[in-house]
Amino acid sequence: MMPDDDWPPAPVASPTPWNSLWDFSLTVYAAPDVAEACLRAQDQHGLDVNLILWAAWLGANGHRLTSAELAAAASASDAWRREVVQPLRAVRRRLKSGPPPAPNANSAALREQVQAAELEAERQQQQMLQAFPPRQRLEATPELALAANIALLLPAGNRRAVTEALHAAIFNP
């Protein structure tokens, strides 16, 4: 880990702009440490992983979010997240260990179907998020924009792991 005063790291060549939030998310989330850091933020702070990835996507493209932009995007996608994504996630997680007759081969197959539905629901949420903000400003270096955007989402003591994992995935793949 880097000391706080060493953040952000020295600038690197900007990555190719990511046109699709979904493509960005699939690539970055699969990188080492990203899923673990994002899921920890989700489980410990109630954050939405899709919102984290959206903020990172904007940052990777040089857009530094404002609080108002973050609030608008969160508000626009919140009902979908609460009423569709989270219930599917809860069912998928529950099928891993029960209730009886789960876990068994049949419930494992059902769990895979629920997981596919959850993934599709998340893709649709990201389609909503991709429209925000309606006008993007490319006013910051991608490294600074990424760090600033994650800082809007996470408390100071808990943002380092997420920021570092995202930074490595985006700028040092």
N, C-alpha and C. Protein backbone atom coordinates (compact mmCIF):
# COMPACT_ATOMS: atom_id res chain seq x y z
N MET A 1 0.83 -1.20 0.00
CA MET A 1 0.00 0.00 0.00
C MET A 1 0.86 1.25 0.00
N MET A 2 0.35 2.25 -0.66
CA MET A 2 1.08 3.51 -0.75
C MET A 2 0.66 4.42 0.38
N PRO A 3 1.57 5.23 0.88
CA PRO A 3 1.17 6.24 1.88
C PRO A 3 0.18 7.21 1.24
N ASP A 4 -0.66 7.84 2.06
CA ASP A 4 -1.68 8.74 1.55
C ASP A 4 -1.12 9.87 0.70
N ASP A 5 0.07 10.39 1.05
CA ASP A 5 0.58 11.52 0.31
C ASP A 5 1.19 11.11 -1.03
N ASP A 6 1.23 9.82 -1.32
CA ASP A 6 1.70 9.35 -2.62
C ASP A 6 0.55 9.11 -3.59
N TRP A 7 -0.64 9.53 -3.24
CA TRP A 7 -1.78 9.33 -4.11
C TRP A 7 -2.15 10.65 -4.74
N PRO A 8 -2.46 10.75 -5.98
CA PRO A 8 -2.51 9.66 -6.92
C PRO A 8 -1.10 9.32 -7.42
N PRO A 9 -0.96 8.14 -7.98
CA PRO A 9 0.34 7.75 -8.51
C PRO A 9 0.73 8.64 -9.69
N ALA A 10 1.98 8.54 -10.08
CA ALA A 10 2.45 9.32 -11.23
C ALA A 10 1.57 9.03 -12.44
N PRO A 11 1.29 10.04 -13.25
CA PRO A 11 0.44 9.83 -14.43
C PRO A 11 1.03 8.76 -15.35
N VAL A 12 0.11 8.03 -15.95
CA VAL A 12 0.49 7.04 -16.94
C VAL A 12 -0.27 7.37 -18.22
N ALA A 13 0.07 6.69 -19.26
CA ALA A 13 -0.65 6.93 -20.52
C ALA A 13 -2.14 6.67 -20.30
N SER A 14 -2.96 7.55 -20.80
CA SER A 14 -4.41 7.37 -20.64
C SER A 14 -4.86 6.12 -21.37
N PRO A 15 -5.77 5.39 -20.75
CA PRO A 15 -6.28 4.20 -21.42
C PRO A 15 -7.16 4.61 -22.60
N THR A 16 -7.42 3.67 -23.46
CA THR A 16 -8.35 3.91 -24.55
C THR A 16 -9.70 4.27 -23.93
N PRO A 17 -10.37 5.30 -24.43
CA PRO A 17 -11.68 5.63 -23.86
C PRO A 17 -12.64 4.44 -23.94
N TRP A 18 -13.38 4.25 -22.90
CA TRP A 18 -14.36 3.16 -22.84
C TRP A 18 -15.70 3.75 -23.23
N ASN A 19 -16.26 3.29 -24.33
CA ASN A 19 -17.54 3.81 -24.79
C ASN A 19 -18.71 3.18 -24.06
N SER A 20 -18.58 1.94 -23.65
CA SER A 20 -19.67 1.23 -23.01
C SER A 20 -19.35 0.95 -21.55
N LEU A 21 -20.21 1.39 -20.67
CA LEU A 21 -20.05 1.11 -19.25
C LEU A 21 -20.05 -0.39 -19.00
N TRP A 22 -20.89 -1.13 -19.70
CA TRP A 22 -20.98 -2.58 -19.49
C TRP A 22 -19.67 -3.27 -19.88
N ASP A 23 -19.11 -2.92 -21.04
CA ASP A 23 -17.84 -3.51 -21.46
C ASP A 23 -16.73 -3.17 -20.48
N PHE A 24 -16.70 -1.92 -20.05
CA PHE A 24 -15.72 -1.48 -19.05
C PHE A 24 -15.87 -2.32 -17.79
N SER A 25 -17.10 -2.47 -17.32
CA SER A 25 -17.35 -3.19 -16.07
C SER A 25 -16.92 -4.65 -16.16
N LEU A 26 -17.24 -5.31 -17.26
CA LEU A 26 -16.85 -6.71 -17.41
C LEU A 26 -15.34 -6.86 -17.39
N THR A 27 -14.63 -5.97 -18.05
CA THR A 27 -13.18 -6.05 -18.11
C THR A 27 -12.55 -5.72 -16.76
N VAL A 28 -12.95 -4.61 -16.18
CA VAL A 28 -12.33 -4.14 -14.94
C VAL A 28 -12.69 -5.03 -13.76
N TYR A 29 -13.94 -5.47 -13.67
CA TYR A 29 -14.38 -6.29 -12.55
C TYR A 29 -13.66 -7.64 -12.52
N ALA A 30 -13.23 -8.11 -13.68
CA ALA A 30 -12.52 -9.39 -13.76
C ALA A 30 -11.05 -9.27 -13.37
N ALA A 31 -10.54 -8.05 -13.25
CA ALA A 31 -9.14 -7.85 -12.90
C ALA A 31 -8.89 -8.22 -11.44
N PRO A 32 -7.65 -8.58 -11.11
CA PRO A 32 -7.33 -8.96 -9.73
C PRO A 32 -7.73 -7.88 -8.72
N ASP A 33 -8.33 -8.32 -7.63
CA ASP A 33 -8.67 -7.51 -6.46
C ASP A 33 -9.89 -6.59 -6.63
N VAL A 34 -10.37 -6.37 -7.85
CA VAL A 34 -11.47 -5.42 -8.05
C VAL A 34 -12.77 -5.96 -7.47
N ALA A 35 -13.14 -7.17 -7.82
CA ALA A 35 -14.40 -7.74 -7.33
C ALA A 35 -14.40 -7.77 -5.80
N GLU A 36 -13.31 -8.24 -5.23
CA GLU A 36 -13.22 -8.34 -3.76
C GLU A 36 -13.38 -6.96 -3.11
N ALA A 37 -12.68 -5.95 -3.64
CA ALA A 37 -12.77 -4.61 -3.06
C ALA A 37 -14.17 -4.02 -3.22
N CYS A 38 -14.76 -4.20 -4.39
CA CYS A 38 -16.11 -3.66 -4.64
C CYS A 38 -17.16 -4.36 -3.78
N LEU A 39 -17.06 -5.68 -3.68
CA LEU A 39 -18.03 -6.43 -2.86
C LEU A 39 -17.90 -6.09 -1.39
N ARG A 40 -16.68 -5.85 -0.92
CA ARG A 40 -16.49 -5.44 0.47
C ARG A 40 -17.15 -4.08 0.70
N ALA A 41 -16.99 -3.16 -0.24
CA ALA A 41 -17.64 -1.85 -0.13
C ALA A 41 -19.16 -2.00 -0.14
N GLN A 42 -19.65 -2.92 -0.95
CA GLN A 42 -21.08 -3.19 -1.01
C GLN A 42 -21.59 -3.75 0.32
N ASP A 43 -20.91 -4.76 0.83
CA ASP A 43 -21.38 -5.45 2.03
C ASP A 43 -21.16 -4.63 3.31
N GLN A 44 -20.06 -3.88 3.39
CA GLN A 44 -19.76 -3.12 4.60
C GLN A 44 -20.40 -1.75 4.64
N HIS A 45 -20.63 -1.16 3.46
CA HIS A 45 -21.12 0.22 3.43
C HIS A 45 -22.43 0.39 2.69
N GLY A 46 -23.00 -0.72 2.21
CA GLY A 46 -24.26 -0.65 1.50
C GLY A 46 -24.15 0.04 0.15
N LEU A 47 -22.94 0.09 -0.40
CA LEU A 47 -22.76 0.75 -1.69
C LEU A 47 -23.19 -0.16 -2.83
N ASP A 48 -23.53 0.46 -3.91
CA ASP A 48 -23.94 -0.23 -5.12
C ASP A 48 -22.71 -0.43 -6.00
N VAL A 49 -22.34 -1.69 -6.28
CA VAL A 49 -21.17 -1.97 -7.11
C VAL A 49 -21.33 -1.32 -8.48
N ASN A 50 -22.53 -1.32 -9.02
CA ASN A 50 -22.72 -0.68 -10.33
C ASN A 50 -22.44 0.82 -10.27
N LEU A 51 -22.77 1.44 -9.17
CA LEU A 51 -22.48 2.87 -9.00
C LEU A 51 -20.96 3.09 -8.89
N ILE A 52 -20.28 2.20 -8.19
CA ILE A 52 -18.81 2.30 -8.09
C ILE A 52 -18.19 2.16 -9.48
N LEU A 53 -18.64 1.16 -10.24
CA LEU A 53 -18.09 0.95 -11.58
C LEU A 53 -18.42 2.12 -12.51
N TRP A 54 -19.60 2.67 -12.37
CA TRP A 54 -19.99 3.84 -13.17
C TRP A 54 -19.08 5.03 -12.85
N ALA A 55 -18.84 5.27 -11.57
CA ALA A 55 -17.97 6.38 -11.17
C ALA A 55 -16.54 6.14 -11.68
N ALA A 56 -16.09 4.90 -11.64
CA ALA A 56 -14.75 4.57 -12.15
C ALA A 56 -14.69 4.75 -13.66
N TRP A 57 -15.75 4.33 -14.36
CA TRP A 57 -15.81 4.48 -15.82
C TRP A 57 -15.71 5.95 -16.22
N LEU A 58 -16.48 6.79 -15.54
CA LEU A 58 -16.42 8.22 -15.83
C LEU A 58 -15.02 8.75 -15.53
N GLY A 59 -14.46 8.34 -14.39
CA GLY A 59 -13.12 8.79 -14.04
C GLY A 59 -12.09 8.35 -15.07
N ALA A 60 -12.18 7.10 -15.52
CA ALA A 60 -11.24 6.59 -16.53
C ALA A 60 -11.33 7.38 -17.82
N ASN A 61 -12.47 8.00 -18.05
CA ASN A 61 -12.65 8.84 -19.24
C ASN A 61 -12.39 10.32 -18.95
N GLY A 62 -11.91 10.65 -17.72
CA GLY A 62 -11.54 12.01 -17.39
C GLY A 62 -12.65 12.90 -16.86
N HIS A 63 -13.80 12.31 -16.51
CA HIS A 63 -14.92 13.10 -15.98
C HIS A 63 -14.91 13.03 -14.46
N ARG A 64 -14.78 14.18 -13.84
CA ARG A 64 -14.81 14.27 -12.38
C ARG A 64 -16.25 14.59 -11.96
N LEU A 65 -16.84 13.67 -11.20
CA LEU A 65 -18.24 13.81 -10.79
C LEU A 65 -18.44 14.94 -9.79
N THR A 66 -19.63 15.52 -9.85
CA THR A 66 -20.07 16.42 -8.79
C THR A 66 -21.01 15.64 -7.88
N SER A 67 -21.24 16.15 -6.70
CA SER A 67 -22.18 15.51 -5.78
C SER A 67 -23.58 15.44 -6.39
N ALA A 68 -23.96 16.49 -7.11
CA ALA A 68 -25.29 16.52 -7.73
C ALA A 68 -25.42 15.45 -8.81
N GLU A 69 -24.37 15.25 -9.60
CA GLU A 69 -24.41 14.22 -10.64
C GLU A 69 -24.52 12.83 -10.01
N LEU A 70 -23.76 12.61 -8.95
CA LEU A 70 -23.81 11.33 -8.25
C LEU A 70 -25.20 11.09 -7.68
N ALA A 71 -25.76 12.10 -7.05
CA ALA A 71 -27.09 11.97 -6.46
C ALA A 71 -28.15 11.69 -7.52
N ALA A 72 -28.07 12.35 -8.66
CA ALA A 72 -29.05 12.14 -9.73
C ALA A 72 -28.97 10.72 -10.27
N ALA A 73 -27.77 10.23 -10.49
CA ALA A 73 -27.61 8.87 -11.02
C ALA A 73 -28.07 7.84 -10.00
N ALA A 74 -27.70 8.04 -8.74
CA ALA A 74 -28.10 7.10 -7.70
C ALA A 74 -29.62 7.07 -7.56
N SER A 75 -30.23 8.24 -7.59
CA SER A 75 -31.68 8.33 -7.48
C SER A 75 -32.38 7.66 -8.66
N ALA A 76 -31.85 7.86 -9.85
CA ALA A 76 -32.49 7.31 -11.05
C ALA A 76 -32.44 5.78 -11.08
N SER A 77 -31.42 5.19 -10.51
CA SER A 77 -31.28 3.73 -10.58
C SER A 77 -31.62 3.02 -9.27
N ASP A 78 -31.94 3.77 -8.23
CA ASP A 78 -32.15 3.18 -6.91
C ASP A 78 -33.34 2.22 -6.85
N ALA A 79 -34.46 2.59 -7.43
CA ALA A 79 -35.64 1.71 -7.36
C ALA A 79 -35.36 0.38 -8.07
N TRP A 80 -34.72 0.44 -9.23
CA TRP A 80 -34.38 -0.78 -9.96
C TRP A 80 -33.45 -1.66 -9.13
N ARG A 81 -32.45 -1.03 -8.52
CA ARG A 81 -31.49 -1.77 -7.69
C ARG A 81 -32.21 -2.43 -6.51
N ARG A 82 -33.03 -1.67 -5.80
CA ARG A 82 -33.72 -2.20 -4.61
C ARG A 82 -34.77 -3.24 -4.94
N GLU A 83 -35.54 -3.01 -6.01
CA GLU A 83 -36.69 -3.87 -6.30
C GLU A 83 -36.40 -5.02 -7.24
N VAL A 84 -35.28 -4.96 -7.97
CA VAL A 84 -34.97 -6.03 -8.93
C VAL A 84 -33.61 -6.67 -8.63
N VAL A 85 -32.54 -5.87 -8.65
CA VAL A 85 -31.20 -6.43 -8.49
C VAL A 85 -31.01 -7.06 -7.12
N GLN A 86 -31.31 -6.34 -6.07
CA GLN A 86 -31.07 -6.87 -4.72
C GLN A 86 -31.90 -8.11 -4.39
N PRO A 87 -33.18 -8.18 -4.76
CA PRO A 87 -33.91 -9.42 -4.51
C PRO A 87 -33.34 -10.61 -5.27
N LEU A 88 -32.93 -10.40 -6.52
CA LEU A 88 -32.32 -11.50 -7.27
C LEU A 88 -31.01 -11.94 -6.59
N ARG A 89 -30.23 -10.98 -6.13
CA ARG A 89 -28.98 -11.31 -5.44
C ARG A 89 -29.26 -12.10 -4.16
N ALA A 90 -30.28 -11.68 -3.43
CA ALA A 90 -30.62 -12.37 -2.18
C ALA A 90 -31.03 -13.82 -2.45
N VAL A 91 -31.82 -14.05 -3.48
CA VAL A 91 -32.23 -15.40 -3.83
C VAL A 91 -31.02 -16.23 -4.26
N ARG A 92 -30.17 -15.65 -5.11
CA ARG A 92 -28.97 -16.37 -5.55
C ARG A 92 -28.10 -16.76 -4.37
N ARG A 93 -27.87 -15.85 -3.46
CA ARG A 93 -27.03 -16.14 -2.29
C ARG A 93 -27.68 -17.19 -1.39
N ARG A 94 -28.98 -17.10 -1.23
CA ARG A 94 -29.68 -18.04 -0.35
C ARG A 94 -29.66 -19.45 -0.92
N LEU A 95 -29.75 -19.58 -2.22
CA LEU A 95 -29.75 -20.91 -2.85
C LEU A 95 -28.41 -21.63 -2.68
N LYS A 96 -27.39 -20.92 -2.32
CA LYS A 96 -26.08 -21.53 -2.13
C LYS A 96 -26.07 -22.50 -0.94
N SER A 97 -26.87 -22.20 0.08
CA SER A 97 -26.85 -23.03 1.29
C SER A 97 -28.21 -23.52 1.75
N GLY A 98 -29.27 -23.09 1.17
CA GLY A 98 -30.60 -23.51 1.61
C GLY A 98 -31.63 -22.54 1.11
N PRO A 99 -32.84 -22.65 1.44
CA PRO A 99 -33.49 -23.61 2.33
C PRO A 99 -33.65 -24.97 1.65
N PRO A 100 -33.92 -26.00 2.44
CA PRO A 100 -34.08 -27.34 1.84
C PRO A 100 -35.15 -27.30 0.75
N PRO A 101 -34.94 -27.93 -0.33
CA PRO A 101 -33.97 -28.98 -0.59
C PRO A 101 -32.59 -28.48 -1.01
N ALA A 102 -32.39 -27.17 -1.09
CA ALA A 102 -31.07 -26.65 -1.46
C ALA A 102 -30.09 -26.87 -0.31
N PRO A 103 -28.85 -27.04 -0.56
CA PRO A 103 -28.25 -27.10 -1.88
C PRO A 103 -28.26 -28.52 -2.45
N ASN A 104 -28.62 -28.61 -3.70
CA ASN A 104 -28.55 -29.88 -4.44
C ASN A 104 -28.38 -29.55 -5.92
N ALA A 105 -28.33 -30.56 -6.74
CA ALA A 105 -28.09 -30.34 -8.17
C ALA A 105 -29.19 -29.48 -8.80
N ASN A 106 -30.43 -29.72 -8.42
CA ASN A 106 -31.54 -28.94 -8.97
C ASN A 106 -31.47 -27.48 -8.54
N SER A 107 -31.18 -27.26 -7.26
CA SER A 107 -31.11 -25.87 -6.79
C SER A 107 -29.87 -25.17 -7.36
N ALA A 108 -28.81 -25.93 -7.65
CA ALA A 108 -27.63 -25.34 -8.28
C ALA A 108 -27.97 -24.85 -9.69
N ALA A 109 -28.76 -25.61 -10.41
CA ALA A 109 -29.19 -25.19 -11.75
C ALA A 109 -30.07 -23.96 -11.65
N LEU A 110 -30.97 -23.95 -10.68
CA LEU A 110 -31.83 -22.78 -10.46
C LEU A 110 -30.98 -21.57 -10.09
N ARG A 111 -29.99 -21.77 -9.25
CA ARG A 111 -29.10 -20.69 -8.83
C ARG A 111 -28.40 -20.07 -10.04
N GLU A 112 -27.98 -20.90 -10.98
CA GLU A 112 -27.33 -20.39 -12.19
C GLU A 112 -28.30 -19.54 -13.01
N GLN A 113 -29.56 -19.95 -13.07
CA GLN A 113 -30.56 -19.17 -13.80
C GLN A 113 -30.81 -17.82 -13.11
N VAL A 114 -30.89 -17.86 -11.79
CA VAL A 114 -31.09 -16.62 -11.03
C VAL A 114 -29.88 -15.71 -11.21
N GLN A 115 -28.69 -16.29 -11.21
CA GLN A 115 -27.47 -15.51 -11.41
C GLN A 115 -27.48 -14.84 -12.78
N ALA A 116 -27.92 -15.54 -13.80
CA ALA A 116 -28.02 -14.95 -15.14
C ALA A 116 -29.03 -13.80 -15.15
N ALA A 117 -30.15 -13.98 -14.45
CA ALA A 117 -31.15 -12.91 -14.37
C ALA A 117 -30.59 -11.71 -13.60
N GLU A 118 -29.86 -11.97 -12.53
CA GLU A 118 -29.23 -10.90 -11.76
C GLU A 118 -28.24 -10.12 -12.63
N LEU A 119 -27.44 -10.82 -13.39
CA LEU A 119 -26.47 -10.17 -14.27
C LEU A 119 -27.18 -9.31 -15.32
N GLU A 120 -28.26 -9.82 -15.89
CA GLU A 120 -29.03 -9.03 -16.85
C GLU A 120 -29.65 -7.81 -16.19
N ALA A 121 -30.13 -7.95 -14.97
CA ALA A 121 -30.69 -6.80 -14.24
C ALA A 121 -29.61 -5.75 -13.99
N GLU A 122 -28.41 -6.20 -13.67
CA GLU A 122 -27.31 -5.25 -13.46
C GLU A 122 -26.93 -4.57 -14.78
N ARG A 123 -26.95 -5.30 -15.87
CA ARG A 123 -26.67 -4.69 -17.18
C ARG A 123 -27.69 -3.60 -17.49
N GLN A 124 -28.96 -3.87 -17.19
CA GLN A 124 -29.99 -2.87 -17.44
C GLN A 124 -29.82 -1.65 -16.53
N GLN A 125 -29.41 -1.88 -15.28
CA GLN A 125 -29.13 -0.76 -14.39
C GLN A 125 -27.98 0.08 -14.95
N GLN A 126 -26.97 -0.58 -15.47
CA GLN A 126 -25.84 0.16 -16.04
C GLN A 126 -26.25 0.94 -17.28
N GLN A 127 -27.21 0.44 -18.03
CA GLN A 127 -27.72 1.22 -19.16
C GLN A 127 -28.33 2.53 -18.67
N MET A 128 -29.03 2.47 -17.54
CA MET A 128 -29.59 3.70 -16.96
C MET A 128 -28.47 4.64 -16.53
N LEU A 129 -27.47 4.07 -15.84
CA LEU A 129 -26.37 4.89 -15.32
C LEU A 129 -25.55 5.52 -16.44
N GLN A 130 -25.39 4.83 -17.54
CA GLN A 130 -24.56 5.33 -18.63
C GLN A 130 -25.08 6.66 -19.17
N ALA A 131 -26.35 6.93 -18.99
CA ALA A 131 -26.93 8.19 -19.47
C ALA A 131 -26.60 9.38 -18.56
N PHE A 132 -25.99 9.12 -17.41
CA PHE A 132 -25.65 10.17 -16.45
C PHE A 132 -24.15 10.39 -16.44
N PRO A 133 -23.70 11.59 -16.25
CA PRO A 133 -24.48 12.82 -16.37
C PRO A 133 -24.80 13.06 -17.84
N PRO A 134 -25.85 13.83 -18.09
CA PRO A 134 -26.25 14.04 -19.48
C PRO A 134 -25.16 14.70 -20.31
N ARG A 135 -24.32 15.47 -19.67
CA ARG A 135 -23.22 16.13 -20.39
C ARG A 135 -21.93 15.88 -19.60
N GLN A 136 -21.04 15.13 -20.21
CA GLN A 136 -19.78 14.83 -19.54
C GLN A 136 -18.75 15.90 -19.83
N ARG A 137 -17.97 16.20 -18.79
CA ARG A 137 -16.87 17.16 -18.90
C ARG A 137 -15.57 16.38 -18.78
N LEU A 138 -14.68 16.54 -19.71
CA LEU A 138 -13.39 15.90 -19.63
C LEU A 138 -12.40 16.95 -19.16
N GLU A 139 -12.39 17.14 -17.83
CA GLU A 139 -11.63 18.26 -17.27
C GLU A 139 -10.50 17.84 -16.35
N ALA A 140 -10.33 16.56 -16.12
CA ALA A 140 -9.31 16.11 -15.19
C ALA A 140 -8.52 14.98 -15.82
N THR A 141 -7.33 14.74 -15.27
CA THR A 141 -6.62 13.55 -15.73
C THR A 141 -7.43 12.35 -15.27
N PRO A 142 -7.41 11.27 -16.01
CA PRO A 142 -8.18 10.10 -15.60
C PRO A 142 -7.82 9.61 -14.18
N GLU A 143 -6.55 9.65 -13.82
CA GLU A 143 -6.15 9.19 -12.49
C GLU A 143 -6.78 10.04 -11.39
N LEU A 144 -6.74 11.35 -11.55
CA LEU A 144 -7.32 12.24 -10.55
C LEU A 144 -8.84 12.12 -10.52
N ALA A 145 -9.46 12.02 -11.69
CA ALA A 145 -10.91 11.90 -11.76
C ALA A 145 -11.37 10.60 -11.09
N LEU A 146 -10.65 9.50 -11.34
CA LEU A 146 -10.99 8.23 -10.70
C LEU A 146 -10.94 8.37 -9.19
N ALA A 147 -9.84 8.88 -8.66
CA ALA A 147 -9.69 9.02 -7.21
C ALA A 147 -10.77 9.93 -6.62
N ALA A 148 -11.06 11.03 -7.30
CA ALA A 148 -12.07 11.97 -6.80
C ALA A 148 -13.46 11.34 -6.82
N ASN A 149 -13.77 10.59 -7.87
CA ASN A 149 -15.09 9.97 -7.98
C ASN A 149 -15.30 8.92 -6.90
N ILE A 150 -14.29 8.11 -6.65
CA ILE A 150 -14.41 7.09 -5.59
C ILE A 150 -14.50 7.77 -4.23
N ALA A 151 -13.80 8.89 -4.06
CA ALA A 151 -13.86 9.63 -2.79
C ALA A 151 -15.28 10.13 -2.49
N LEU A 152 -16.05 10.42 -3.55
CA LEU A 152 -17.44 10.85 -3.34
C LEU A 152 -18.31 9.71 -2.78
N LEU A 153 -17.92 8.48 -3.08
CA LEU A 153 -18.73 7.32 -2.71
C LEU A 153 -18.37 6.70 -1.37
N LEU A 154 -17.08 6.65 -1.08
CA LEU A 154 -16.61 5.89 0.08
C LEU A 154 -16.01 6.79 1.15
N PRO A 155 -16.19 6.41 2.43
CA PRO A 155 -15.56 7.16 3.51
C PRO A 155 -14.03 7.05 3.41
N ALA A 156 -13.35 8.04 3.92
CA ALA A 156 -11.89 8.15 3.78
C ALA A 156 -11.14 6.88 4.16
N GLY A 157 -11.48 6.26 5.25
CA GLY A 157 -10.74 5.11 5.70
C GLY A 157 -10.99 3.84 4.91
N ASN A 158 -11.94 3.88 3.99
CA ASN A 158 -12.33 2.66 3.29
C ASN A 158 -12.22 2.73 1.78
N ARG A 159 -11.69 3.81 1.27
CA ARG A 159 -11.66 3.95 -0.19
C ARG A 159 -10.38 3.46 -0.83
N ARG A 160 -9.33 3.32 -0.06
CA ARG A 160 -8.02 3.00 -0.63
C ARG A 160 -8.01 1.69 -1.42
N ALA A 161 -8.55 0.61 -0.85
CA ALA A 161 -8.51 -0.69 -1.53
C ALA A 161 -9.28 -0.64 -2.85
N VAL A 162 -10.42 0.01 -2.84
CA VAL A 162 -11.22 0.11 -4.07
C VAL A 162 -10.48 0.96 -5.10
N THR A 163 -9.97 2.10 -4.68
CA THR A 163 -9.28 3.00 -5.60
C THR A 163 -8.04 2.32 -6.19
N GLU A 164 -7.25 1.68 -5.34
CA GLU A 164 -6.03 1.03 -5.84
C GLU A 164 -6.33 -0.12 -6.79
N ALA A 165 -7.34 -0.92 -6.46
CA ALA A 165 -7.68 -2.04 -7.34
C ALA A 165 -8.19 -1.54 -8.69
N LEU A 166 -9.04 -0.53 -8.66
CA LEU A 166 -9.55 0.04 -9.91
C LEU A 166 -8.43 0.68 -10.72
N HIS A 167 -7.58 1.42 -10.04
CA HIS A 167 -6.47 2.09 -10.72
C HIS A 167 -5.60 1.06 -11.43
N ALA A 168 -5.25 -0.02 -10.75
CA ALA A 168 -4.40 -1.06 -11.36
C ALA A 168 -5.10 -1.69 -12.55
N ALA A 169 -6.39 -1.95 -12.43
CA ALA A 169 -7.13 -2.61 -13.51
C ALA A 169 -7.26 -1.71 -14.74
N ILE A 170 -7.43 -0.42 -14.51
CA ILE A 170 -7.67 0.52 -15.61
C ILE A 170 -6.37 0.98 -16.26
N PHE A 171 -5.40 1.34 -15.44
CA PHE A 171 -4.19 1.98 -15.97
C PHE A 171 -3.00 1.05 -16.11
N ASN A 172 -3.04 -0.10 -15.47
CA ASN A 172 -1.94 -1.06 -15.56
C ASN A 172 -2.46 -2.48 -15.83
N PRO A 173 -3.28 -2.65 -16.87
CA PRO A 173 -3.89 -3.98 -17.06
C PRO A 173 -2.86 -5.05 -17.42
